[in-house]
PDB file of all heavy atoms in Angstrom:
ATOM      1  N   LEU A   1      21.485  -6.094  12.440  1.00  0.00           N
ATOM      2  CA  LEU A   1      21.123  -5.158  11.345  1.00  0.00           C
ATOM      3  C   LEU A   1      19.640  -5.295  11.134  1.00  0.00           C
ATOM      4  O   LEU A   1      19.127  -6.352  10.802  1.00  0.00           O
ATOM      5  CB  LEU A   1      21.849  -5.539  10.055  1.00  0.00           C
ATOM      6  CG  LEU A   1      21.619  -4.605   8.871  1.00  0.00           C
ATOM      7  CD1 LEU A   1      22.334  -3.282   9.054  1.00  0.00           C
ATOM      8  CD2 LEU A   1      22.069  -5.309   7.586  1.00  0.00           C
ATOM      9  N   ARG A   2      18.966  -4.136  11.295  1.00  0.00           N
ATOM     10  CA  ARG A   2      17.503  -4.189  11.237  1.00  0.00           C
ATOM     11  C   ARG A   2      16.975  -3.175  10.171  1.00  0.00           C
ATOM     12  O   ARG A   2      17.524  -2.034  10.144  1.00  0.00           O
ATOM     13  CB  ARG A   2      16.960  -3.801  12.614  1.00  0.00           C
ATOM     14  CG  ARG A   2      15.454  -3.813  12.762  1.00  0.00           C
ATOM     15  CD  ARG A   2      15.022  -3.580  14.160  1.00  0.00           C
ATOM     16  NE  ARG A   2      13.600  -3.627  14.268  1.00  0.00           N
ATOM     17  CZ  ARG A   2      12.782  -2.628  13.984  1.00  0.00           C
ATOM     18  NH1 ARG A   2      13.332  -1.464  13.449  1.00  0.00           N
ATOM     19  NH2 ARG A   2      11.470  -2.721  14.040  1.00  0.00           N
ATOM     20  N   VAL A   3      15.943  -3.544   9.519  1.00  0.00           N
ATOM     21  CA  VAL A   3      15.206  -2.584   8.601  1.00  0.00           C
ATOM     22  C   VAL A   3      14.130  -1.886   9.428  1.00  0.00           C
ATOM     23  O   VAL A   3      13.275  -2.531   9.959  1.00  0.00           O
ATOM     24  CB  VAL A   3      14.579  -3.334   7.420  1.00  0.00           C
ATOM     25  CG1 VAL A   3      13.753  -2.344   6.569  1.00  0.00           C
ATOM     26  CG2 VAL A   3      15.641  -4.001   6.607  1.00  0.00           C
ATOM     27  N   PRO A   4      14.229  -0.559   9.585  1.00  0.00           N
ATOM     28  CA  PRO A   4      13.252   0.218  10.355  1.00  0.00           C
ATOM     29  C   PRO A   4      11.889  -0.102   9.911  1.00  0.00           C
ATOM     30  O   PRO A   4      11.547  -0.033   8.704  1.00  0.00           O
ATOM     31  CB  PRO A   4      13.643   1.648  10.277  1.00  0.00           C
ATOM     32  CG  PRO A   4      14.992   1.660   9.752  1.00  0.00           C
ATOM     33  CD  PRO A   4      15.235   0.299   8.953  1.00  0.00           C
ATOM     34  N   GLY A   5      10.951  -0.339  10.851  1.00  0.00           N
ATOM     35  CA  GLY A   5       9.513  -0.542  10.383  1.00  0.00           C
ATOM     36  C   GLY A   5       9.135  -1.963  10.091  1.00  0.00           C
ATOM     37  O   GLY A   5       8.003  -2.322   9.866  1.00  0.00           O
ATOM     38  N   ALA A   6      10.200  -2.838   9.971  1.00  0.00           N
ATOM     39  CA  ALA A   6       9.941  -4.351   9.655  1.00  0.00           C
ATOM     40  C   ALA A   6       9.358  -4.942  10.909  1.00  0.00           C
ATOM     41  O   ALA A   6       9.962  -4.738  11.984  1.00  0.00           O
ATOM     42  CB  ALA A   6      11.170  -4.929   9.108  1.00  0.00           C
ATOM     43  N   GLU A   7       8.480  -5.831  10.772  1.00  0.00           N
ATOM     44  CA  GLU A   7       8.018  -6.786  11.777  1.00  0.00           C
ATOM     45  C   GLU A   7       9.016  -7.943  11.763  1.00  0.00           C
ATOM     46  O   GLU A   7       9.660  -8.245  10.716  1.00  0.00           O
ATOM     47  CB  GLU A   7       6.593  -7.246  11.405  1.00  0.00           C
ATOM     48  CG  GLU A   7       5.540  -6.142  11.298  1.00  0.00           C
ATOM     49  CD  GLU A   7       4.207  -6.729  10.812  1.00  0.00           C
ATOM     50  OE1 GLU A   7       3.875  -7.800  11.135  1.00  0.00           O
ATOM     51  OE2 GLU A   7       3.605  -6.017  10.121  1.00  0.00           O
ATOM     52  N   VAL A   8       9.176  -8.521  12.890  1.00  0.00           N
ATOM     53  CA  VAL A   8      10.078  -9.666  12.996  1.00  0.00           C
ATOM     54  C   VAL A   8       9.277 -10.923  13.369  1.00  0.00           C
ATOM     55  O   VAL A   8       8.615 -10.952  14.392  1.00  0.00           O
ATOM     56  CB  VAL A   8      11.154  -9.386  14.128  1.00  0.00           C
ATOM     57  CG1 VAL A   8      12.134 -10.656  14.188  1.00  0.00           C
ATOM     58  CG2 VAL A   8      11.945  -8.166  13.764  1.00  0.00           C
ATOM     59  N   ALA A   9       9.412 -12.000  12.483  1.00  0.00           N
ATOM     60  CA  ALA A   9       8.780 -13.223  12.758  1.00  0.00           C
ATOM     61  C   ALA A   9       9.704 -14.313  12.151  1.00  0.00           C
ATOM     62  O   ALA A   9       9.649 -14.664  11.028  1.00  0.00           O
ATOM     63  CB  ALA A   9       7.485 -13.305  12.080  1.00  0.00           C
ATOM     64  N   PRO A  10      10.708 -14.870  13.014  1.00  0.00           N
ATOM     65  CA  PRO A  10      11.637 -15.761  12.532  1.00  0.00           C
ATOM     66  C   PRO A  10      11.016 -16.972  11.796  1.00  0.00           C
ATOM     67  O   PRO A  10      10.006 -17.537  12.252  1.00  0.00           O
ATOM     68  CB  PRO A  10      12.466 -16.219  13.797  1.00  0.00           C
ATOM     69  CG  PRO A  10      12.230 -15.074  14.707  1.00  0.00           C
ATOM     70  CD  PRO A  10      10.882 -14.566  14.419  1.00  0.00           C
ATOM     71  N   LEU A  11      11.611 -17.316  10.745  1.00  0.00           N
ATOM     72  CA  LEU A  11      11.011 -18.515   9.875  1.00  0.00           C
ATOM     73  C   LEU A  11      10.922 -19.753  10.792  1.00  0.00           C
ATOM     74  O   LEU A  11      10.054 -20.517  10.596  1.00  0.00           O
ATOM     75  CB  LEU A  11      11.943 -18.742   8.697  1.00  0.00           C
ATOM     76  CG  LEU A  11      11.538 -19.810   7.830  1.00  0.00           C
ATOM     77  CD1 LEU A  11      10.100 -19.553   7.123  1.00  0.00           C
ATOM     78  CD2 LEU A  11      12.532 -20.109   6.604  1.00  0.00           C
ATOM     79  N   SER A  12      11.910 -19.943  11.763  1.00  0.00           N
ATOM     80  CA  SER A  12      11.840 -21.132  12.551  1.00  0.00           C
ATOM     81  C   SER A  12      10.621 -21.237  13.470  1.00  0.00           C
ATOM     82  O   SER A  12      10.220 -22.316  13.775  1.00  0.00           O
ATOM     83  CB  SER A  12      13.120 -21.192  13.448  1.00  0.00           C
ATOM     84  OG  SER A  12      13.128 -20.015  14.263  1.00  0.00           O
ATOM     85  N   VAL A  13       9.950 -20.055  13.692  1.00  0.00           N
ATOM     86  CA  VAL A  13       8.747 -20.136  14.605  1.00  0.00           C
ATOM     87  C   VAL A  13       7.505 -19.449  13.955  1.00  0.00           C
ATOM     88  O   VAL A  13       6.595 -19.268  14.567  1.00  0.00           O
ATOM     89  CB  VAL A  13       9.030 -19.573  15.985  1.00  0.00           C
ATOM     90  CG1 VAL A  13      10.036 -20.367  16.712  1.00  0.00           C
ATOM     91  CG2 VAL A  13       9.485 -18.097  15.853  1.00  0.00           C
ATOM     92  N   ILE A  14       7.714 -19.040  12.650  1.00  0.00           N
ATOM     93  CA  ILE A  14       6.622 -18.201  12.093  1.00  0.00           C
ATOM     94  C   ILE A  14       5.344 -18.917  11.977  1.00  0.00           C
ATOM     95  O   ILE A  14       4.193 -18.294  12.077  1.00  0.00           O
ATOM     96  CB  ILE A  14       6.995 -17.746  10.661  1.00  0.00           C
ATOM     97  CG1 ILE A  14       6.223 -16.509  10.271  1.00  0.00           C
ATOM     98  CG2 ILE A  14       6.969 -18.842   9.624  1.00  0.00           C
ATOM     99  CD1 ILE A  14       6.725 -15.742   9.073  1.00  0.00           C
ATOM    100  N   ARG A  15       5.311 -20.198  11.940  1.00  0.00           N
ATOM    101  CA  ARG A  15       4.004 -20.987  11.900  1.00  0.00           C
ATOM    102  C   ARG A  15       3.182 -20.641  13.134  1.00  0.00           C
ATOM    103  O   ARG A  15       2.002 -20.793  13.154  1.00  0.00           O
ATOM    104  CB  ARG A  15       4.390 -22.516  11.838  1.00  0.00           C
ATOM    105  CG  ARG A  15       3.205 -23.364  11.802  1.00  0.00           C
ATOM    106  CD  ARG A  15       3.601 -24.870  11.788  1.00  0.00           C
ATOM    107  NE  ARG A  15       4.714 -25.155  10.833  1.00  0.00           N
ATOM    108  CZ  ARG A  15       4.609 -25.442   9.573  1.00  0.00           C
ATOM    109  NH1 ARG A  15       3.413 -25.426   8.996  1.00  0.00           N
ATOM    110  NH2 ARG A  15       5.683 -25.733   8.793  1.00  0.00           N
ATOM    111  N   TRP A  16       3.861 -20.349  14.263  1.00  0.00           N
ATOM    112  CA  TRP A  16       3.080 -20.142  15.582  1.00  0.00           C
ATOM    113  C   TRP A  16       3.046 -18.617  15.861  1.00  0.00           C
ATOM    114  O   TRP A  16       2.470 -18.269  16.871  1.00  0.00           O
ATOM    115  CB  TRP A  16       3.721 -20.864  16.669  1.00  0.00           C
ATOM    116  CG  TRP A  16       3.791 -22.333  16.362  1.00  0.00           C
ATOM    117  CD1 TRP A  16       2.717 -23.211  16.447  1.00  0.00           C
ATOM    118  CD2 TRP A  16       4.893 -23.080  15.963  1.00  0.00           C
ATOM    119  NE1 TRP A  16       3.174 -24.446  16.006  1.00  0.00           N
ATOM    120  CE2 TRP A  16       4.513 -24.452  15.688  1.00  0.00           C
ATOM    121  CE3 TRP A  16       6.234 -22.831  15.572  1.00  0.00           C
ATOM    122  CZ2 TRP A  16       5.315 -25.441  15.220  1.00  0.00           C
ATOM    123  CZ3 TRP A  16       7.084 -23.836  15.183  1.00  0.00           C
ATOM    124  CH2 TRP A  16       6.612 -25.093  15.008  1.00  0.00           C
ATOM    125  N   ALA A  17       3.603 -17.825  15.015  1.00  0.00           N
ATOM    126  CA  ALA A  17       3.572 -16.349  15.305  1.00  0.00           C
ATOM    127  C   ALA A  17       2.077 -15.847  15.124  1.00  0.00           C
ATOM    128  O   ALA A  17       1.363 -16.235  14.245  1.00  0.00           O
ATOM    129  CB  ALA A  17       4.479 -15.561  14.337  1.00  0.00           C
ATOM    130  N   SER A  18       1.755 -14.957  16.009  1.00  0.00           N
ATOM    131  CA  SER A  18       0.407 -14.406  15.945  1.00  0.00           C
ATOM    132  C   SER A  18       0.452 -13.081  15.190  1.00  0.00           C
ATOM    133  O   SER A  18       0.500 -11.947  15.884  1.00  0.00           O
ATOM    134  CB  SER A  18      -0.230 -14.235  17.340  1.00  0.00           C
ATOM    135  OG  SER A  18       0.621 -13.439  18.075  1.00  0.00           O
ATOM    136  N   MET A  19       0.583 -13.107  13.955  1.00  0.00           N
ATOM    137  CA  MET A  19       0.691 -11.878  13.077  1.00  0.00           C
ATOM    138  C   MET A  19      -0.543 -11.681  12.268  1.00  0.00           C
ATOM    139  O   MET A  19      -1.144 -12.711  11.777  1.00  0.00           O
ATOM    140  CB  MET A  19       1.901 -11.803  12.272  1.00  0.00           C
ATOM    141  CG  MET A  19       2.124 -12.882  11.273  1.00  0.00           C
ATOM    142  SD  MET A  19       3.726 -12.610  10.461  1.00  0.00           S
ATOM    143  CE  MET A  19       3.217 -12.863   8.785  1.00  0.00           C
ATOM    144  N   PRO A  20      -0.992 -10.493  12.099  1.00  0.00           N
ATOM    145  CA  PRO A  20      -2.171 -10.295  11.239  1.00  0.00           C
ATOM    146  C   PRO A  20      -2.027 -10.728   9.888  1.00  0.00           C
ATOM    147  O   PRO A  20      -0.873 -10.675   9.326  1.00  0.00           O
ATOM    148  CB  PRO A  20      -2.387  -8.706  11.323  1.00  0.00           C
ATOM    149  CG  PRO A  20      -1.464  -8.221  12.417  1.00  0.00           C
ATOM    150  CD  PRO A  20      -0.436  -9.296  12.626  1.00  0.00           C
ATOM    151  N   LYS A  21      -3.102 -11.202   9.249  1.00  0.00           N
ATOM    152  CA  LYS A  21      -3.065 -11.670   7.834  1.00  0.00           C
ATOM    153  C   LYS A  21      -2.824 -10.542   6.927  1.00  0.00           C
ATOM    154  O   LYS A  21      -3.178  -9.314   7.251  1.00  0.00           O
ATOM    155  CB  LYS A  21      -4.344 -12.375   7.586  1.00  0.00           C
ATOM    156  CG  LYS A  21      -4.581 -13.648   8.384  1.00  0.00           C
ATOM    157  CD  LYS A  21      -3.623 -14.675   8.067  1.00  0.00           C
ATOM    158  CE  LYS A  21      -3.979 -15.936   8.946  1.00  0.00           C
ATOM    159  NZ  LYS A  21      -2.889 -16.921   8.914  1.00  0.00           N
ATOM    160  N   ALA A  22      -2.337 -10.807   5.750  1.00  0.00           N
ATOM    161  CA  ALA A  22      -2.171  -9.766   4.681  1.00  0.00           C
ATOM    162  C   ALA A  22      -3.571  -9.310   4.265  1.00  0.00           C
ATOM    163  O   ALA A  22      -4.541 -10.081   4.308  1.00  0.00           O
ATOM    164  CB  ALA A  22      -1.440 -10.380   3.511  1.00  0.00           C
ATOM    165  N   GLU A  23      -3.710  -8.152   3.862  1.00  0.00           N
ATOM    166  CA  GLU A  23      -4.903  -7.580   3.221  1.00  0.00           C
ATOM    167  C   GLU A  23      -4.736  -7.358   1.832  1.00  0.00           C
ATOM    168  O   GLU A  23      -3.636  -7.139   1.349  1.00  0.00           O
ATOM    169  CB  GLU A  23      -5.237  -6.266   4.003  1.00  0.00           C
ATOM    170  CG  GLU A  23      -5.485  -6.406   5.520  1.00  0.00           C
ATOM    171  CD  GLU A  23      -5.619  -5.094   6.239  1.00  0.00           C
ATOM    172  OE1 GLU A  23      -5.853  -4.123   5.611  1.00  0.00           O
ATOM    173  OE2 GLU A  23      -5.535  -5.101   7.457  1.00  0.00           O
ATOM    174  N   GLU A  24      -5.783  -7.335   1.050  1.00  0.00           N
ATOM    175  CA  GLU A  24      -5.767  -7.217  -0.407  1.00  0.00           C
ATOM    176  C   GLU A  24      -5.037  -5.860  -0.785  1.00  0.00           C
ATOM    177  O   GLU A  24      -4.228  -5.756  -1.682  1.00  0.00           O
ATOM    178  CB  GLU A  24      -7.137  -7.193  -1.009  1.00  0.00           C
ATOM    179  CG  GLU A  24      -7.230  -7.479  -2.489  1.00  0.00           C
ATOM    180  CD  GLU A  24      -6.537  -8.784  -2.805  1.00  0.00           C
ATOM    181  OE1 GLU A  24      -6.803  -9.897  -2.203  1.00  0.00           O
ATOM    182  OE2 GLU A  24      -5.772  -8.820  -3.752  1.00  0.00           O
ATOM    183  N   ASN A  25      -5.283  -4.758   0.042  1.00  0.00           N
ATOM    184  CA  ASN A  25      -4.686  -3.507  -0.337  1.00  0.00           C
ATOM    185  C   ASN A  25      -3.451  -3.240   0.482  1.00  0.00           C
ATOM    186  O   ASN A  25      -2.858  -2.107   0.427  1.00  0.00           O
ATOM    187  CB  ASN A  25      -5.677  -2.369  -0.033  1.00  0.00           C
ATOM    188  CG  ASN A  25      -6.153  -2.358   1.449  1.00  0.00           C
ATOM    189  OD1 ASN A  25      -5.979  -3.348   2.227  1.00  0.00           O
ATOM    190  ND2 ASN A  25      -6.776  -1.209   1.833  1.00  0.00           N
ATOM    191  N   LYS A  26      -2.979  -4.207   1.311  1.00  0.00           N
ATOM    192  CA  LYS A  26      -1.732  -4.114   2.114  1.00  0.00           C
ATOM    193  C   LYS A  26      -1.086  -5.496   2.249  1.00  0.00           C
ATOM    194  O   LYS A  26      -1.172  -6.125   3.232  1.00  0.00           O
ATOM    195  CB  LYS A  26      -2.021  -3.517   3.430  1.00  0.00           C
ATOM    196  CG  LYS A  26      -0.755  -3.054   4.154  1.00  0.00           C
ATOM    197  CD  LYS A  26      -1.143  -2.257   5.421  1.00  0.00           C
ATOM    198  CE  LYS A  26       0.113  -1.665   5.944  1.00  0.00           C
ATOM    199  NZ  LYS A  26      -0.301  -0.776   7.181  1.00  0.00           N
TER     200      LYS A  26
END
């Protein structure tokens, strides 16, 4: 079951995920 448009970064490995940082306006 997936939410369309959601990025996936499992909590078990999120520390090492290369995802962009949050922005003030996003």
